[in-house]
Amino acid sequence: MKEQETWLKIITKAWEEEDFKARLLANANEVLKEYHIDIPDGVTYQVVEDQVVGTRYLVLPPKSSDEAPVIDGFKRNVQSGDPGF
């Protein structure tokens, strides 16, 4: 299964199960690993719940460097802030 499809399953489960959503918000890395999503060393994902009205979040990732390891075929690297899903 593609990681994007997996992420959609995680989102759906978080909408349906409050306990699961609480775990995802508290420790995203742990939940992502349960779904066999590879997390590079030194990377910690944090999930925040967006709102329909009020504060919305846009994340500006850091500029990539040539020294950062590439994590996929799109040349994204661990500094891109993009988990690939």
Protein backbone atom coordinates (compact mmCIF):
# COMPACT_ATOMS: atom_id res chain seq x y z
CA MET A 1 0.00 0.00 0.00
CA LYS A 2 1.28 3.46 -0.83
CA GLU A 3 2.14 5.74 2.08
CA GLN A 4 -0.41 8.31 0.87
CA GLU A 5 -3.17 5.67 1.05
CA THR A 6 -1.92 4.66 4.48
CA TRP A 7 -2.05 8.29 5.65
CA LEU A 8 -5.67 8.53 4.44
CA LYS A 9 -6.50 5.42 6.48
CA ILE A 10 -4.87 7.00 9.54
CA ILE A 11 -6.89 10.21 9.05
CA THR A 12 -10.13 8.27 8.68
CA LYS A 13 -9.43 6.23 11.80
CA ALA A 14 -8.62 9.42 13.75
CA TRP A 15 -11.98 10.90 12.68
CA GLU A 16 -13.78 7.76 13.84
CA GLU A 17 -11.90 6.86 17.04
CA GLU A 18 -11.16 9.51 19.67
CA ASP A 19 -8.63 7.32 21.52
CA PHE A 20 -6.67 6.72 18.32
CA LYS A 21 -6.75 10.44 17.48
CA ALA A 22 -5.42 11.25 20.95
CA ARG A 23 -2.52 8.81 20.47
CA LEU A 24 -1.77 10.26 17.03
CA LEU A 25 -1.71 13.80 18.40
CA ALA A 26 0.43 12.78 21.38
CA ASN A 27 2.96 10.57 19.59
CA ALA A 28 2.74 10.61 15.79
CA ASN A 29 5.98 8.69 15.26
CA GLU A 30 4.71 5.74 17.28
CA VAL A 31 1.46 5.57 15.30
CA LEU A 32 3.18 6.01 11.92
CA LYS A 33 5.57 3.17 12.75
CA GLU A 34 2.58 0.93 13.56
CA TYR A 35 1.51 1.52 9.95
CA HIS A 36 5.00 0.65 8.66
CA ILE A 37 5.86 4.19 7.63
CA ASP A 38 9.62 4.65 7.70
CA ILE A 39 10.78 7.57 9.81
CA PRO A 40 14.34 8.76 9.23
CA ASP A 41 16.63 8.93 12.26
CA GLY A 42 16.42 12.27 14.00
CA VAL A 43 12.97 13.13 12.60
CA THR A 44 9.95 13.61 14.84
CA TYR A 45 6.55 14.21 13.29
CA GLN A 46 3.98 16.24 15.14
CA VAL A 47 0.33 16.08 14.12
CA VAL A 48 -1.92 19.05 14.81
CA GLU A 49 -5.64 19.14 14.23
CA ASP A 50 -6.69 21.88 11.84
CA GLN A 51 -9.97 23.69 12.36
CA VAL A 52 -12.59 24.69 9.80
CA VAL A 53 -12.75 28.17 11.32
CA GLY A 54 -10.03 29.84 13.32
CA THR A 55 -6.33 29.14 13.21
CA ARG A 56 -5.18 27.10 10.21
CA TYR A 57 -1.64 25.78 9.83
CA LEU A 58 0.71 26.03 6.86
CA VAL A 59 4.19 24.65 7.38
CA LEU A 60 7.10 26.24 5.60
CA PRO A 61 9.80 23.57 5.47
CA PRO A 62 13.47 24.41 5.87
CA LYS A 63 15.54 24.89 2.75
CA SER A 64 17.10 21.59 1.68
CA SER A 65 20.82 21.10 1.63
CA ASP A 66 22.86 18.90 -0.67
CA GLU A 67 24.18 16.97 2.34
CA ALA A 68 20.76 15.76 3.52
CA PRO A 69 19.97 12.14 2.63
CA VAL A 70 17.39 11.71 -0.14
CA ILE A 71 14.36 9.73 1.04
CA ASP A 72 12.53 9.01 -2.24
CA GLY A 73 12.46 9.20 -6.02
CA PHE A 74 11.20 12.78 -5.96
CA LYS A 75 14.54 13.89 -4.44
CA ARG A 76 12.84 14.89 -1.19
CA ASN A 77 15.19 14.67 1.70
CA VAL A 78 14.89 14.49 5.46
CA GLN A 79 15.12 18.27 5.73
CA SER A 80 12.22 18.90 3.35
CA GLY A 81 9.59 18.49 6.06
CA ASP A 82 7.58 16.40 3.61
CA PRO A 83 7.01 12.86 4.85
CA GLY A 84 6.11 11.71 1.35
CA PHE A 85 2.46 11.03 2.05
